[in-house]
N, C-alpha and C. Protein backbone atom coordinates (compact mmCIF):
# COMPACT_ATOMS: atom_id res chain seq x y z
N MET A 1 -39.76 148.75 332.92
CA MET A 1 -39.94 150.35 332.64
C MET A 1 -41.24 151.25 333.48
N PHE A 2 -40.86 152.54 333.74
CA PHE A 2 -42.03 152.99 334.26
C PHE A 2 -42.22 154.56 333.72
N LEU A 3 -43.01 154.91 333.54
CA LEU A 3 -43.53 156.61 333.38
C LEU A 3 -44.18 157.09 334.65
N ASN A 4 -43.82 158.49 334.47
CA ASN A 4 -44.61 159.10 335.87
C ASN A 4 -45.11 160.42 335.26
N PRO A 5 -45.97 161.25 336.05
CA PRO A 5 -46.75 162.30 335.74
C PRO A 5 -45.37 163.65 335.69
N TRP A 6 -44.26 163.60 336.19
CA TRP A 6 -43.11 164.45 336.10
C TRP A 6 -42.40 164.54 334.82
N ALA A 7 -42.71 163.69 334.12
CA ALA A 7 -41.98 163.58 332.39
C ALA A 7 -40.69 162.72 332.69
N TYR A 8 -40.49 161.63 333.55
CA TYR A 8 -39.50 161.09 333.37
C TYR A 8 -39.91 159.76 332.91
N ALA A 9 -39.05 158.55 332.57
CA ALA A 9 -39.02 157.32 332.51
C ALA A 9 -37.75 156.40 332.63
N GLY A 10 -38.01 155.35 332.95
CA GLY A 10 -36.76 154.60 333.56
C GLY A 10 -36.96 153.44 333.07
N LYS A 11 -35.63 152.56 332.85
CA LYS A 11 -35.68 151.11 332.55
C LYS A 11 -34.18 151.13 333.16
N VAL A 12 -34.42 149.52 333.21
CA VAL A 12 -33.27 148.75 333.84
C VAL A 12 -32.37 147.69 332.32
N LEU A 13 -31.70 148.30 332.03
CA LEU A 13 -30.93 147.52 330.77
C LEU A 13 -30.10 146.48 331.07
N GLU A 14 -30.20 144.87 330.81
CA GLU A 14 -29.20 143.96 331.15
C GLU A 14 -28.49 143.43 330.03
N VAL A 15 -27.40 143.65 329.99
CA VAL A 15 -26.32 143.46 328.45
C VAL A 15 -25.65 142.46 328.96
N LYS A 16 -25.50 141.38 328.15
CA LYS A 16 -25.18 139.97 328.48
C LYS A 16 -23.12 140.59 327.75
N ALA A 17 -22.29 139.63 328.47
CA ALA A 17 -21.04 139.69 328.18
C ALA A 17 -20.92 139.79 326.45
N GLY A 18 -20.01 140.88 325.83
CA GLY A 18 -20.12 140.68 324.63
C GLY A 18 -20.75 141.20 323.92
N LYS A 19 -22.00 141.42 324.18
CA LYS A 19 -23.40 142.11 323.09
C LYS A 19 -23.29 143.65 323.39
N ARG A 20 -23.93 144.29 322.40
CA ARG A 20 -23.62 145.59 322.48
C ARG A 20 -25.04 146.28 322.02
N LEU A 21 -25.53 147.40 322.49
CA LEU A 21 -26.67 148.15 321.80
C LEU A 21 -26.16 148.95 320.67
N SER A 22 -27.19 149.72 319.76
CA SER A 22 -26.83 150.23 318.84
C SER A 22 -26.11 151.68 319.03
N LEU A 23 -25.44 151.80 318.19
CA LEU A 23 -24.69 153.02 317.95
C LEU A 23 -25.52 154.03 317.32
N GLN A 24 -26.18 154.94 318.34
CA GLN A 24 -27.71 155.77 317.91
C GLN A 24 -26.92 156.74 318.45
N TYR A 25 -28.45 157.87 318.47
CA TYR A 25 -28.26 159.25 319.17
C TYR A 25 -29.95 159.67 319.31
N HIS A 26 -30.32 160.37 319.70
CA HIS A 26 -31.85 160.95 319.92
C HIS A 26 -32.13 162.48 319.80
N GLU A 27 -32.94 163.09 319.06
CA GLU A 27 -33.32 164.21 318.51
C GLU A 27 -33.88 165.17 319.63
N ARG A 28 -34.65 164.45 320.58
CA ARG A 28 -35.42 164.82 321.67
C ARG A 28 -35.08 164.26 322.94
N LYS A 29 -34.52 163.30 322.96
CA LYS A 29 -34.65 162.38 324.10
C LYS A 29 -33.38 162.86 325.12
N THR A 30 -33.30 162.88 326.20
CA THR A 30 -32.47 162.94 327.27
C THR A 30 -32.14 161.99 328.01
N GLU A 31 -31.02 161.42 328.50
CA GLU A 31 -31.10 160.15 329.16
C GLU A 31 -29.66 160.39 330.36
N THR A 32 -30.16 160.00 331.49
CA THR A 32 -28.96 159.57 332.24
C THR A 32 -28.89 158.12 332.78
N LEU A 33 -27.52 157.62 332.50
CA LEU A 33 -27.68 156.34 332.99
C LEU A 33 -26.48 155.78 334.21
N TYR A 34 -26.40 155.03 335.05
CA TYR A 34 -26.04 154.67 336.35
C TYR A 34 -25.50 153.22 335.95
N LEU A 35 -24.33 152.82 336.26
CA LEU A 35 -23.87 151.31 336.19
C LEU A 35 -24.01 150.50 336.96
N LEU A 36 -24.77 149.81 337.49
CA LEU A 36 -25.32 148.72 338.65
C LEU A 36 -24.16 148.02 338.61
N SER A 37 -23.72 147.29 337.74
CA SER A 37 -22.81 146.03 337.96
C SER A 37 -22.02 146.17 336.55
N GLY A 38 -21.20 145.30 336.66
CA GLY A 38 -20.17 144.86 334.99
C GLY A 38 -19.30 146.02 335.14
N ARG A 39 -18.76 145.72 333.65
CA ARG A 39 -18.15 146.63 332.71
C ARG A 39 -18.66 146.81 331.72
N VAL A 40 -18.47 148.17 331.14
CA VAL A 40 -19.29 148.61 329.83
C VAL A 40 -18.41 149.41 329.35
N LYS A 41 -18.04 149.04 327.84
CA LYS A 41 -17.00 149.79 327.02
C LYS A 41 -17.91 150.97 326.52
N LEU A 42 -18.17 152.36 326.91
CA LEU A 42 -19.28 153.38 326.47
C LEU A 42 -18.44 154.38 325.59
N THR A 43 -19.06 154.15 324.23
CA THR A 43 -18.89 155.18 322.94
C THR A 43 -19.84 156.46 323.11
N TYR A 44 -18.95 157.90 323.14
CA TYR A 44 -20.09 158.71 323.46
C TYR A 44 -19.19 160.00 322.55
N ARG A 45 -20.02 160.63 321.47
CA ARG A 45 -19.19 161.50 320.98
C ARG A 45 -20.09 162.78 320.40
N PRO A 46 -20.56 163.60 321.15
CA PRO A 46 -21.51 164.84 320.86
C PRO A 46 -21.50 165.05 319.37
N LEU A 47 -22.58 165.51 318.49
CA LEU A 47 -22.70 166.16 317.49
C LEU A 47 -22.67 167.57 317.63
N LEU A 48 -21.38 168.22 317.12
CA LEU A 48 -21.12 169.80 317.40
C LEU A 48 -21.84 170.25 316.04
N ALA A 49 -22.16 171.54 316.13
CA ALA A 49 -23.07 172.59 315.49
C ALA A 49 -22.75 172.29 314.21
N GLY A 50 -23.51 171.80 313.38
CA GLY A 50 -23.20 171.74 311.83
C GLY A 50 -23.13 170.23 311.23
N GLU A 51 -22.44 169.54 312.29
CA GLU A 51 -22.13 168.03 312.04
C GLU A 51 -23.63 167.30 311.65
N THR A 52 -23.59 166.19 310.86
CA THR A 52 -24.14 165.44 311.15
C THR A 52 -23.44 164.27 311.33
N HIS A 53 -24.37 162.90 311.48
CA HIS A 53 -23.82 161.79 311.90
C HIS A 53 -22.76 161.21 310.83
N ALA A 54 -23.16 161.63 309.27
CA ALA A 54 -22.43 161.28 308.74
C ALA A 54 -20.67 162.11 308.65
N THR A 55 -21.09 163.30 309.01
CA THR A 55 -19.66 163.81 308.86
C THR A 55 -18.91 163.83 310.36
N ALA A 56 -19.36 162.79 311.16
CA ALA A 56 -18.83 162.64 312.72
C ALA A 56 -18.38 161.52 312.85
N PRO A 57 -17.40 161.36 312.42
CA PRO A 57 -16.62 160.11 313.04
C PRO A 57 -16.39 160.01 314.33
N VAL A 58 -16.58 158.32 314.53
CA VAL A 58 -16.61 157.97 315.92
C VAL A 58 -15.35 157.12 315.88
N THR A 59 -14.14 157.33 316.81
CA THR A 59 -12.84 156.54 316.85
C THR A 59 -12.90 156.29 318.25
N ALA A 60 -11.87 155.26 318.25
CA ALA A 60 -11.45 154.93 320.01
C ALA A 60 -11.12 155.92 320.88
N GLU A 61 -10.68 157.30 320.23
CA GLU A 61 -10.82 158.27 321.05
C GLU A 61 -11.95 158.93 321.86
N HIS A 62 -13.25 158.17 321.48
CA HIS A 62 -14.36 158.55 321.99
C HIS A 62 -14.83 157.19 322.68
N GLU A 63 -14.05 156.58 323.11
CA GLU A 63 -14.54 155.29 324.24
C GLU A 63 -13.78 155.34 325.26
N ILE A 64 -14.49 155.15 326.38
CA ILE A 64 -14.05 154.76 327.79
C ILE A 64 -14.76 153.44 328.08
N ILE A 65 -13.61 153.11 329.46
CA ILE A 65 -14.26 152.18 330.20
C ILE A 65 -15.26 152.55 331.37
N TRP A 66 -16.33 151.79 331.34
CA TRP A 66 -17.54 152.38 332.47
C TRP A 66 -17.26 151.09 333.45
N THR A 67 -17.65 151.82 334.73
CA THR A 67 -16.99 150.70 336.20
C THR A 67 -18.42 151.28 337.02
N PRO A 68 -18.81 150.20 337.69
CA PRO A 68 -19.87 150.48 338.75
C PRO A 68 -20.13 151.44 339.29
N GLY A 69 -20.83 152.50 339.82
CA GLY A 69 -21.14 153.39 340.81
C GLY A 69 -20.95 154.67 339.95
N LEU A 70 -20.79 154.56 338.88
CA LEU A 70 -20.49 155.85 337.81
C LEU A 70 -21.81 156.36 337.15
N ALA A 71 -22.22 157.15 336.50
CA ALA A 71 -23.02 157.71 335.88
C ALA A 71 -22.79 158.61 334.80
N VAL A 72 -23.64 158.68 333.69
CA VAL A 72 -23.19 159.41 332.83
C VAL A 72 -24.65 159.84 331.99
N HIS A 73 -24.03 160.85 331.59
CA HIS A 73 -25.46 162.06 331.20
C HIS A 73 -25.15 161.96 329.80
N ILE A 74 -26.39 161.96 329.07
CA ILE A 74 -26.50 161.92 327.53
C ILE A 74 -27.68 162.83 326.80
N PRO A 75 -26.91 163.86 326.75
CA PRO A 75 -27.66 165.13 325.99
C PRO A 75 -28.42 164.64 324.65
N VAL A 76 -29.21 165.67 324.38
CA VAL A 76 -29.77 165.30 322.60
C VAL A 76 -28.32 165.46 322.09
N ARG A 77 -28.45 164.66 320.63
CA ARG A 77 -27.62 164.63 319.52
C ARG A 77 -26.21 164.18 320.02
N THR A 78 -26.20 163.29 320.95
CA THR A 78 -24.82 162.74 321.13
C THR A 78 -24.88 161.30 320.66
N ILE A 79 -24.02 160.89 319.89
CA ILE A 79 -23.69 159.55 319.76
C ILE A 79 -23.38 158.83 320.45
N HIS A 80 -24.03 157.34 320.82
CA HIS A 80 -23.51 156.73 321.90
C HIS A 80 -23.77 155.32 321.59
N ARG A 81 -22.89 154.18 322.47
CA ARG A 81 -23.44 152.96 322.17
C ARG A 81 -22.61 152.34 323.56
N PHE A 82 -23.37 151.34 324.31
CA PHE A 82 -22.84 150.37 325.58
C PHE A 82 -22.54 149.12 324.86
N GLU A 83 -21.67 148.71 325.35
CA GLU A 83 -20.71 147.38 325.00
C GLU A 83 -20.65 146.53 326.01
N ALA A 84 -20.95 145.54 326.29
CA ALA A 84 -20.77 144.77 327.94
C ALA A 84 -19.49 144.41 327.77
N LEU A 85 -18.61 144.49 328.92
CA LEU A 85 -17.14 143.68 328.74
C LEU A 85 -17.56 142.35 329.50
N GLU A 86 -18.57 142.59 330.65
CA GLU A 86 -18.85 141.38 331.23
C GLU A 86 -20.29 141.88 331.44
N ASP A 87 -21.06 140.48 331.92
CA ASP A 87 -22.73 140.84 332.15
C ASP A 87 -22.64 142.08 332.75
N SER A 88 -23.69 142.96 332.35
CA SER A 88 -23.77 144.29 333.03
C SER A 88 -25.32 144.87 333.28
N VAL A 89 -25.61 145.56 334.42
CA VAL A 89 -26.68 146.07 334.41
C VAL A 89 -26.90 147.41 334.58
N LEU A 90 -27.62 148.33 333.97
CA LEU A 90 -27.65 149.84 333.89
C LEU A 90 -28.69 150.11 334.07
N LEU A 91 -28.97 151.26 335.01
CA LEU A 91 -30.56 151.73 335.15
C LEU A 91 -30.21 153.45 334.51
N GLU A 92 -31.52 153.20 333.67
CA GLU A 92 -31.94 154.46 332.65
C GLU A 92 -32.92 155.59 333.32
N VAL A 93 -32.81 156.63 333.35
CA VAL A 93 -33.72 157.69 333.52
C VAL A 93 -33.76 158.52 332.31
N SER A 94 -34.91 158.83 331.73
CA SER A 94 -34.77 159.87 330.50
C SER A 94 -36.24 160.67 330.28
N THR A 95 -36.07 161.42 329.55
CA THR A 95 -37.33 162.05 329.05
C THR A 95 -38.33 160.82 328.54
N PRO A 96 -39.48 160.96 328.14
CA PRO A 96 -40.08 159.79 328.02
C PRO A 96 -40.14 159.83 326.59
N ASP A 97 -39.21 160.25 326.02
CA ASP A 97 -39.62 160.20 324.31
C ASP A 97 -38.78 158.63 323.85
N LEU A 98 -39.67 157.76 324.23
CA LEU A 98 -38.91 156.37 323.94
C LEU A 98 -38.94 156.01 322.39
N THR A 99 -39.40 156.54 322.00
CA THR A 99 -39.31 156.03 320.32
C THR A 99 -38.47 157.14 319.47
N ASP A 100 -37.83 157.73 319.85
CA ASP A 100 -37.05 158.68 319.58
C ASP A 100 -35.40 158.44 319.68
N VAL A 101 -35.33 157.43 318.39
CA VAL A 101 -34.11 156.62 318.36
C VAL A 101 -33.39 156.85 316.70
N VAL A 102 -32.41 157.45 316.63
CA VAL A 102 -31.88 157.00 315.67
C VAL A 102 -30.63 156.17 315.31
N ARG A 103 -30.87 155.16 314.60
CA ARG A 103 -29.85 154.24 314.66
C ARG A 103 -28.69 154.05 313.62
N LEU A 104 -27.65 154.33 314.02
CA LEU A 104 -26.49 154.49 312.88
C LEU A 104 -25.93 153.02 312.43
N GLN A 105 -26.05 152.28 313.59
CA GLN A 105 -25.41 151.00 313.58
C GLN A 105 -26.33 150.00 314.30
N ASP A 106 -26.56 148.58 314.13
CA ASP A 106 -27.43 147.70 315.27
C ASP A 106 -27.23 146.33 314.70
N ASP A 107 -26.78 145.46 315.87
CA ASP A 107 -26.20 144.26 315.47
C ASP A 107 -27.61 143.21 315.32
N TYR A 108 -28.68 143.81 315.50
CA TYR A 108 -29.82 143.21 315.37
C TYR A 108 -31.08 143.70 314.16
N ALA A 109 -29.97 143.95 313.83
CA ALA A 109 -31.25 144.91 312.30
C ALA A 109 -32.69 145.61 312.66
N ARG A 110 -32.53 146.14 313.56
CA ARG A 110 -33.84 147.16 313.80
C ARG A 110 -33.63 148.39 312.62
N PRO A 111 -34.69 148.69 312.59
CA PRO A 111 -34.72 149.93 311.86
C PRO A 111 -34.20 151.39 312.06
N ALA A 112 -33.69 151.82 311.10
CA ALA A 112 -32.74 153.09 311.59
C ALA A 112 -33.50 153.88 312.51
N ARG A 113 -34.60 154.28 312.40
CA ARG A 113 -35.93 154.88 313.30
C ARG A 113 -37.01 154.28 314.17
N ASP A 114 -37.34 154.35 314.96
CA ASP A 114 -38.64 153.70 315.61
C ASP A 114 -39.71 154.53 315.28
């Protein structure tokens, strides 16, 4: 992870095949991710005006298969999750709001908010 004076943070995320990160969104944090290697099922659903996570169902139509060399931008209030179909490496660059996480589902029993 790195932080710099231009208000960006960076992470390298390694996700093993069959594992997934939280289904989550951010109130302030914006992030852009680039898939370096592997294959990932990306769940991606913006919350529209007036919606809450409770009224915004996430379905298969909100999923895509992400392949190396592609990037995705995740604005604030966008529900998202990464599930590795193969061992995968992602590069994340974001605003430095590292504790701005609202978890809707988590396989590791982490708290709903950091």
